[in-house]
């Protein structure tokens, strides 16, 4: 699995946060879109209904993060 990680400034947290491009993008051999971005620190200090970094509902970012974690657990044998 290829992890494309970056730091990005989040105005909601007022600091840089870790962000990745969904690993399925590299596996598919395509360019990432806005829907492929996941904030790894989502929920730590998020207070609004909208992710200020990617301009998506907080619930959507939460789902992206949860999906990423679930796929990682599956790859590790269900740990």
PDB file of N, CA and C in Angstrom:
ATOM      1  N   UNK A   1       0.846  -1.170   0.000  1.00  0.00           N
ATOM      2  CA  UNK A   1       0.000   0.000   0.000  1.00  0.00           C
ATOM      3  C   UNK A   1       0.895   1.237   0.000  1.00  0.00           C
ATOM      4  N   UNK A   2       0.641   2.155  -0.917  1.00  0.00           N
ATOM      5  CA  UNK A   2       1.398   3.393  -1.027  1.00  0.00           C
ATOM      6  C   UNK A   2       0.657   4.487  -0.261  1.00  0.00           C
ATOM      7  N   UNK A   3       1.371   5.141   0.661  1.00  0.00           N
ATOM      8  CA  UNK A   3       0.777   6.235   1.430  1.00  0.00           C
ATOM      9  C   UNK A   3       1.375   7.543   0.934  1.00  0.00           C
ATOM     10  N   UNK A   4       0.515   8.407   0.435  1.00  0.00           N
ATOM     11  CA  UNK A   4       0.907   9.721  -0.065  1.00  0.00           C
ATOM     12  C   UNK A   4       0.511  10.738   1.005  1.00  0.00           C
ATOM     13  N   UNK A   5       1.423  11.028   1.943  1.00  0.00           N
ATOM     14  CA  UNK A   5       1.129  11.881   3.095  1.00  0.00           C
ATOM     15  C   UNK A   5       1.666  13.295   2.903  1.00  0.00           C
ATOM     16  N   UNK A   6       0.949  14.248   3.485  1.00  0.00           N
ATOM     17  CA  UNK A   6       1.312  15.660   3.389  1.00  0.00           C
ATOM     18  C   UNK A   6       0.931  16.364   4.683  1.00  0.00           C
ATOM     19  N   UNK A   7       1.464  17.552   4.884  1.00  0.00           N
ATOM     20  CA  UNK A   7       1.015  18.437   5.943  1.00  0.00           C
ATOM     21  C   UNK A   7       0.252  19.577   5.285  1.00  0.00           C
ATOM     22  N   UNK A   8      -0.852  19.974   5.902  1.00  0.00           N
ATOM     23  CA  UNK A   8      -1.651  21.074   5.373  1.00  0.00           C
ATOM     24  C   UNK A   8      -2.132  21.922   6.541  1.00  0.00           C
ATOM     25  N   UNK A   9      -2.197  23.223   6.325  1.00  0.00           N
ATOM     26  CA  UNK A   9      -2.661  24.114   7.386  1.00  0.00           C
ATOM     27  C   UNK A   9      -4.179  24.058   7.485  1.00  0.00           C
ATOM     28  N   UNK A  10      -4.670  23.820   8.695  1.00  0.00           N
ATOM     29  CA  UNK A  10      -6.111  23.797   8.951  1.00  0.00           C
ATOM     30  C   UNK A  10      -6.475  25.029   9.773  1.00  0.00           C
ATOM     31  N   UNK A  11      -7.353  25.846   9.246  1.00  0.00           N
ATOM     32  CA  UNK A  11      -7.745  27.060   9.965  1.00  0.00           C
ATOM     33  C   UNK A  11      -8.610  26.729  11.178  1.00  0.00           C
ATOM     34  N   UNK A  12      -9.292  25.583  11.155  1.00  0.00           N
ATOM     35  CA  UNK A  12     -10.095  25.177  12.308  1.00  0.00           C
ATOM     36  C   UNK A  12      -9.242  24.801  13.498  1.00  0.00           C
ATOM     37  N   UNK A  13      -8.095  24.185  13.243  1.00  0.00           N
ATOM     38  CA  UNK A  13      -7.166  23.771  14.312  1.00  0.00           C
ATOM     39  C   UNK A  13      -6.105  24.830  14.566  1.00  0.00           C
ATOM     40  N   UNK A  14      -5.926  25.715  13.599  1.00  0.00           N
ATOM     41  CA  UNK A  14      -4.882  26.739  13.628  1.00  0.00           C
ATOM     42  C   UNK A  14      -3.490  26.116  13.730  1.00  0.00           C
ATOM     43  N   UNK A  15      -3.297  25.036  12.956  1.00  0.00           N
ATOM     44  CA  UNK A  15      -1.999  24.373  12.894  1.00  0.00           C
ATOM     45  C   UNK A  15      -1.967  23.460  11.674  1.00  0.00           C
ATOM     46  N   UNK A  16      -0.796  22.907  11.414  1.00  0.00           N
ATOM     47  CA  UNK A  16      -0.675  21.946  10.324  1.00  0.00           C
ATOM     48  C   UNK A  16      -1.161  20.583  10.797  1.00  0.00           C
ATOM     49  N   UNK A  17      -1.886  19.892   9.916  1.00  0.00           N
ATOM     50  CA  UNK A  17      -2.408  18.562  10.212  1.00  0.00           C
ATOM     51  C   UNK A  17      -1.926  17.588   9.148  1.00  0.00           C
ATOM     52  N   UNK A  18      -1.903  16.315   9.497  1.00  0.00           N
ATOM     53  CA  UNK A  18      -1.485  15.279   8.550  1.00  0.00           C
ATOM     54  C   UNK A  18      -2.664  14.902   7.656  1.00  0.00           C
ATOM     55  N   UNK A  19      -2.387  14.865   6.362  1.00  0.00           N
ATOM     56  CA  UNK A  19      -3.395  14.570   5.353  1.00  0.00           C
ATOM     57  C   UNK A  19      -2.823  13.526   4.403  1.00  0.00           C
ATOM     58  N   UNK A  20      -3.667  12.599   3.962  1.00  0.00           N
ATOM     59  CA  UNK A  20      -3.199  11.627   2.970  1.00  0.00           C
ATOM     60  C   UNK A  20      -4.152  11.575   1.789  1.00  0.00           C
ATOM     61  N   UNK A  21      -3.613  11.075   0.696  1.00  0.00           N
ATOM     62  CA  UNK A  21      -4.424  10.741  -0.462  1.00  0.00           C
ATOM     63  C   UNK A  21      -4.793   9.274  -0.288  1.00  0.00           C
ATOM     64  N   UNK A  22      -6.066   8.955  -0.452  1.00  0.00           N
ATOM     65  CA  UNK A  22      -6.536   7.584  -0.282  1.00  0.00           C
ATOM     66  C   UNK A  22      -5.642   6.637  -1.083  1.00  0.00           C
ATOM     67  N   UNK A  23      -5.106   5.589  -0.450  1.00  0.00           N
ATOM     68  CA  UNK A  23      -4.198   4.661  -1.137  1.00  0.00           C
ATOM     69  C   UNK A  23      -4.804   3.980  -2.366  1.00  0.00           C
ATOM     70  N   UNK A  24      -6.115   3.930  -2.465  1.00  0.00           N
ATOM     71  CA  UNK A  24      -6.755   3.318  -3.639  1.00  0.00           C
ATOM     72  C   UNK A  24      -6.450   4.094  -4.914  1.00  0.00           C
ATOM     73  N   UNK A  25      -6.114   5.371  -4.762  1.00  0.00           N
ATOM     74  CA  UNK A  25      -5.803   6.205  -5.929  1.00  0.00           C
ATOM     75  C   UNK A  25      -4.551   5.688  -6.630  1.00  0.00           C
ATOM     76  N   UNK A  26      -3.498   5.449  -5.868  1.00  0.00           N
ATOM     77  CA  UNK A  26      -2.256   4.935  -6.446  1.00  0.00           C
ATOM     78  C   UNK A  26      -2.473   3.548  -7.033  1.00  0.00           C
ATOM     79  N   UNK A  27      -3.246   2.736  -6.331  1.00  0.00           N
ATOM     80  CA  UNK A  27      -3.521   1.380  -6.821  1.00  0.00           C
ATOM     81  C   UNK A  27      -4.274   1.416  -8.139  1.00  0.00           C
ATOM     82  N   UNK A  28      -5.112   2.417  -8.316  1.00  0.00           N
ATOM     83  CA  UNK A  28      -5.886   2.549  -9.549  1.00  0.00           C
ATOM     84  C   UNK A  28      -5.094   3.256 -10.645  1.00  0.00           C
ATOM     85  N   UNK A  29      -3.948   3.844 -10.279  1.00  0.00           N
ATOM     86  CA  UNK A  29      -3.115   4.531 -11.254  1.00  0.00           C
ATOM     87  C   UNK A  29      -3.745   5.791 -11.816  1.00  0.00           C
ATOM     88  N   UNK A  30      -4.453   6.530 -10.963  1.00  0.00           N
ATOM     89  CA  UNK A  30      -5.112   7.755 -11.434  1.00  0.00           C
ATOM     90  C   UNK A  30      -4.727   8.936 -10.563  1.00  0.00           C
ATOM     91  N   UNK A  31      -5.058  10.107 -11.029  1.00  0.00           N
ATOM     92  CA  UNK A  31      -4.800  11.332 -10.284  1.00  0.00           C
ATOM     93  C   UNK A  31      -5.857  11.487  -9.193  1.00  0.00           C
ATOM     94  N   UNK A  32      -5.474  11.989  -8.019  1.00  0.00           N
ATOM     95  CA  UNK A  32      -6.461  12.160  -6.946  1.00  0.00           C
ATOM     96  C   UNK A  32      -7.417  13.314  -7.217  1.00  0.00           C
ATOM     97  N   UNK A  33      -8.605  13.184  -6.676  1.00  0.00           N
ATOM     98  CA  UNK A  33      -9.602  14.253  -6.706  1.00  0.00           C
ATOM     99  C   UNK A  33      -9.835  14.698  -5.262  1.00  0.00           C
ATOM    100  N   UNK A  34     -10.629  15.717  -5.064  1.00  0.00           N
ATOM    101  CA  UNK A  34     -10.918  16.210  -3.719  1.00  0.00           C
ATOM    102  C   UNK A  34     -11.556  15.126  -2.849  1.00  0.00           C
ATOM    103  N   UNK A  35     -12.287  14.212  -3.458  1.00  0.00           N
ATOM    104  CA  UNK A  35     -12.945  13.140  -2.714  1.00  0.00           C
ATOM    105  C   UNK A  35     -11.960  12.087  -2.203  1.00  0.00           C
ATOM    106  N   UNK A  36     -10.725  12.133  -2.680  1.00  0.00           N
ATOM    107  CA  UNK A  36      -9.716  11.148  -2.291  1.00  0.00           C
ATOM    108  C   UNK A  36      -8.847  11.605  -1.125  1.00  0.00           C
ATOM    109  N   UNK A  37      -9.091  12.786  -0.581  1.00  0.00           N
ATOM    110  CA  UNK A  37      -8.260  13.339   0.483  1.00  0.00           C
ATOM    111  C   UNK A  37      -8.854  13.026   1.854  1.00  0.00           C
ATOM    112  N   UNK A  38      -7.980  12.639   2.782  1.00  0.00           N
ATOM    113  CA  UNK A  38      -8.419  12.270   4.127  1.00  0.00           C
ATOM    114  C   UNK A  38      -7.540  12.967   5.158  1.00  0.00           C
ATOM    115  N   UNK A  39      -8.171  13.662   6.081  1.00  0.00           N
ATOM    116  CA  UNK A  39      -7.453  14.288   7.185  1.00  0.00           C
ATOM    117  C   UNK A  39      -7.269  13.233   8.273  1.00  0.00           C
ATOM    118  N   UNK A  40      -6.022  12.948   8.626  1.00  0.00           N
ATOM    119  CA  UNK A  40      -5.749  11.935   9.641  1.00  0.00           C
ATOM    120  C   UNK A  40      -5.992  12.441  11.055  1.00  0.00           C
ATOM    121  N   UNK A  41      -6.223  13.716  11.197  1.00  0.00           N
ATOM    122  CA  UNK A  41      -6.451  14.282  12.523  1.00  0.00           C
ATOM    123  C   UNK A  41      -7.884  14.756  12.687  1.00  0.00           C
ATOM    124  N   UNK A  42      -8.737  14.293  11.805  1.00  0.00           N
ATOM    125  CA  UNK A  42     -10.139  14.683  11.878  1.00  0.00           C
ATOM    126  C   UNK A  42     -10.732  14.286  13.219  1.00  0.00           C
ATOM    127  N   UNK A  43     -11.419  15.198  13.811  1.00  0.00           N
ATOM    128  CA  UNK A  43     -12.078  14.923  15.074  1.00  0.00           C
ATOM    129  C   UNK A  43     -11.289  15.343  16.300  1.00  0.00           C
ATOM    130  N   UNK A  44      -9.984  15.527  16.169  1.00  0.00           N
ATOM    131  CA  UNK A  44      -9.181  15.917  17.329  1.00  0.00           C
ATOM    132  C   UNK A  44      -9.659  17.252  17.900  1.00  0.00           C
ATOM    133  N   UNK A  45      -9.777  18.228  17.064  1.00  0.00           N
ATOM    134  CA  UNK A  45     -10.228  19.542  17.531  1.00  0.00           C
ATOM    135  C   UNK A  45     -11.288  20.136  16.611  1.00  0.00           C
ATOM    136  N   UNK A  46     -11.885  19.311  15.778  1.00  0.00           N
ATOM    137  CA  UNK A  46     -12.923  19.797  14.865  1.00  0.00           C
ATOM    138  C   UNK A  46     -14.168  20.167  15.675  1.00  0.00           C
ATOM    139  N   UNK A  47     -14.697  21.334  15.394  1.00  0.00           N
ATOM    140  CA  UNK A  47     -15.865  21.783  16.147  1.00  0.00           C
ATOM    141  C   UNK A  47     -17.038  22.145  15.247  1.00  0.00           C
ATOM    142  N   UNK A  48     -16.793  22.352  13.965  1.00  0.00           N
ATOM    143  CA  UNK A  48     -17.855  22.789  13.078  1.00  0.00           C
ATOM    144  C   UNK A  48     -18.494  21.651  12.309  1.00  0.00           C
ATOM    145  N   UNK A  49     -19.478  22.000  11.522  1.00  0.00           N
ATOM    146  CA  UNK A  49     -20.174  21.027  10.688  1.00  0.00           C
ATOM    147  C   UNK A  49     -19.497  20.854   9.335  1.00  0.00           C
ATOM    148  N   UNK A  50     -18.491  21.675   9.081  1.00  0.00           N
ATOM    149  CA  UNK A  50     -17.806  21.643   7.795  1.00  0.00           C
ATOM    150  C   UNK A  50     -16.299  21.589   8.019  1.00  0.00           C
ATOM    151  N   UNK A  51     -15.644  20.647   7.356  1.00  0.00           N
ATOM    152  CA  UNK A  51     -14.187  20.553   7.439  1.00  0.00           C
ATOM    153  C   UNK A  51     -13.608  21.774   6.725  1.00  0.00           C
ATOM    154  N   UNK A  52     -12.905  22.663   7.441  1.00  0.00           N
ATOM    155  CA  UNK A  52     -12.400  23.874   6.805  1.00  0.00           C
ATOM    156  C   UNK A  52     -11.275  23.602   5.810  1.00  0.00           C
ATOM    157  N   UNK A  53     -10.634  22.474   5.941  1.00  0.00           N
ATOM    158  CA  UNK A  53      -9.516  22.147   5.075  1.00  0.00           C
ATOM    159  C   UNK A  53      -9.991  21.719   3.684  1.00  0.00           C
ATOM    160  N   UNK A  54     -11.012  20.879   3.638  1.00  0.00           N
ATOM    161  CA  UNK A  54     -11.475  20.325   2.359  1.00  0.00           C
ATOM    162  C   UNK A  54     -12.883  20.747   1.984  1.00  0.00           C
ATOM    163  N   UNK A  55     -13.511  21.573   2.818  1.00  0.00           N
ATOM    164  CA  UNK A  55     -14.832  22.120   2.523  1.00  0.00           C
ATOM    165  C   UNK A  55     -15.870  21.016   2.285  1.00  0.00           C
ATOM    166  N   UNK A  56     -15.842  20.005   3.135  1.00  0.00           N
ATOM    167  CA  UNK A  56     -16.832  18.929   3.087  1.00  0.00           C
ATOM    168  C   UNK A  56     -17.461  18.804   4.468  1.00  0.00           C
ATOM    169  N   UNK A  57     -18.675  18.264   4.544  1.00  0.00           N
ATOM    170  CA  UNK A  57     -19.285  18.077   5.862  1.00  0.00           C
ATOM    171  C   UNK A  57     -18.396  17.224   6.769  1.00  0.00           C
ATOM    172  N   UNK A  58     -18.346  17.573   8.039  1.00  0.00           N
ATOM    173  CA  UNK A  58     -17.511  16.841   8.992  1.00  0.00           C
ATOM    174  C   UNK A  58     -17.866  15.360   9.009  1.00  0.00           C
ATOM    175  N   UNK A  59     -19.130  15.030   8.858  1.00  0.00           N
ATOM    176  CA  UNK A  59     -19.557  13.628   8.855  1.00  0.00           C
ATOM    177  C   UNK A  59     -18.937  12.871   7.682  1.00  0.00           C
ATOM    178  N   UNK A  60     -18.823  13.520   6.534  1.00  0.00           N
ATOM    179  CA  UNK A  60     -18.195  12.886   5.373  1.00  0.00           C
ATOM    180  C   UNK A  60     -16.712  12.606   5.635  1.00  0.00           C
ATOM    181  N   UNK A  61     -16.012  13.575   6.238  1.00  0.00           N
ATOM    182  CA  UNK A  61     -14.599  13.355   6.542  1.00  0.00           C
ATOM    183  C   UNK A  61     -14.458  12.235   7.564  1.00  0.00           C
ATOM    184  N   UNK A  62     -15.359  12.195   8.535  1.00  0.00           N
ATOM    185  CA  UNK A  62     -15.350  11.122   9.529  1.00  0.00           C
ATOM    186  C   UNK A  62     -15.523   9.766   8.840  1.00  0.00           C
ATOM    187  N   UNK A  63     -16.414   9.690   7.870  1.00  0.00           N
ATOM    188  CA  UNK A  63     -16.634   8.440   7.133  1.00  0.00           C
ATOM    189  C   UNK A  63     -15.409   8.048   6.311  1.00  0.00           C
ATOM    190  N   UNK A  64     -14.765   9.012   5.676  1.00  0.00           N
ATOM    191  CA  UNK A  64     -13.542   8.728   4.906  1.00  0.00           C
ATOM    192  C   UNK A  64     -12.464   8.154   5.819  1.00  0.00           C
ATOM    193  N   UNK A  65     -12.298   8.761   6.980  1.00  0.00           N
ATOM    194  CA  UNK A  65     -11.290   8.313   7.938  1.00  0.00           C
ATOM    195  C   UNK A  65     -11.635   6.905   8.445  1.00  0.00           C
ATOM    196  N   UNK A  66     -12.878   6.682   8.801  1.00  0.00           N
ATOM    197  CA  UNK A  66     -13.306   5.366   9.292  1.00  0.00           C
ATOM    198  C   UNK A  66     -13.099   4.290   8.242  1.00  0.00           C
ATOM    199  N   UNK A  67     -13.404   4.594   6.992  1.00  0.00           N
ATOM    200  CA  UNK A  67     -13.209   3.647   5.892  1.00  0.00           C
ATOM    201  C   UNK A  67     -11.724   3.309   5.739  1.00  0.00           C
ATOM    202  N   UNK A  68     -10.886   4.319   5.830  1.00  0.00           N
ATOM    203  CA  UNK A  68      -9.438   4.129   5.722  1.00  0.00           C
ATOM    204  C   UNK A  68      -8.927   3.211   6.843  1.00  0.00           C
ATOM    205  N   UNK A  69      -9.372   3.447   8.065  1.00  0.00           N
ATOM    206  CA  UNK A  69      -8.959   2.640   9.211  1.00  0.00           C
ATOM    207  C   UNK A  69      -9.453   1.203   9.054  1.00  0.00           C
ATOM    208  N   UNK A  70     -10.679   1.028   8.627  1.00  0.00           N
ATOM    209  CA  UNK A  70     -11.232  -0.317   8.444  1.00  0.00           C
ATOM    210  C   UNK A  70     -10.456  -1.104   7.391  1.00  0.00           C
ATOM    211  N   UNK A  71     -10.121  -0.471   6.287  1.00  0.00           N
ATOM    212  CA  UNK A  71      -9.343  -1.155   5.240  1.00  0.00           C
ATOM    213  C   UNK A  71      -7.943  -1.505   5.737  1.00  0.00           C
ATOM    214  N   UNK A  72      -7.347  -0.637   6.556  1.00  0.00           N
ATOM    215  CA  UNK A  72      -6.027  -0.921   7.122  1.00  0.00           C
ATOM    216  C   UNK A  72      -6.097  -2.124   8.055  1.00  0.00           C
ATOM    217  N   UNK A  73      -7.139  -2.191   8.862  1.00  0.00           N
ATOM    218  CA  UNK A  73      -7.306  -3.337   9.767  1.00  0.00           C
ATOM    219  C   UNK A  73      -7.486  -4.629   8.982  1.00  0.00           C
ATOM    220  N   UNK A  74      -8.240  -4.574   7.914  1.00  0.00           N
ATOM    221  CA  UNK A  74      -8.445  -5.762   7.083  1.00  0.00           C
ATOM    222  C   UNK A  74      -7.131  -6.240   6.489  1.00  0.00           C
ATOM    223  N   UNK A  75      -6.305  -5.293   6.053  1.00  0.00           N
ATOM    224  CA  UNK A  75      -5.000  -5.645   5.478  1.00  0.00           C
ATOM    225  C   UNK A  75      -4.088  -6.265   6.515  1.00  0.00           C
ATOM    226  N   UNK A  76      -4.292  -5.901   7.773  1.00  0.00           N
ATOM    227  CA  UNK A  76      -3.458  -6.431   8.845  1.00  0.00           C
ATOM    228  C   UNK A  76      -4.039  -7.735   9.424  1.00  0.00           C
ATOM    229  N   UNK A  77      -5.044  -8.269   8.791  1.00  0.00           N
ATOM    230  CA  UNK A  77      -5.624  -9.518   9.246  1.00  0.00           C
ATOM    231  C   UNK A  77      -6.697  -9.367  10.307  1.00  0.00           C
ATOM    232  N   UNK A  78      -7.382  -8.243  10.290  1.00  0.00           N
ATOM    233  CA  UNK A  78      -8.487  -8.055  11.222  1.00  0.00           C
ATOM    234  C   UNK A  78      -8.089  -7.669  12.633  1.00  0.00           C
ATOM    235  N   UNK A  79      -6.903  -7.141  12.787  1.00  0.00           N
ATOM    236  CA  UNK A  79      -6.414  -6.747  14.112  1.00  0.00           C
ATOM    237  C   UNK A  79      -7.243  -5.606  14.653  1.00  0.00           C
TER     238      UNK A  79
END
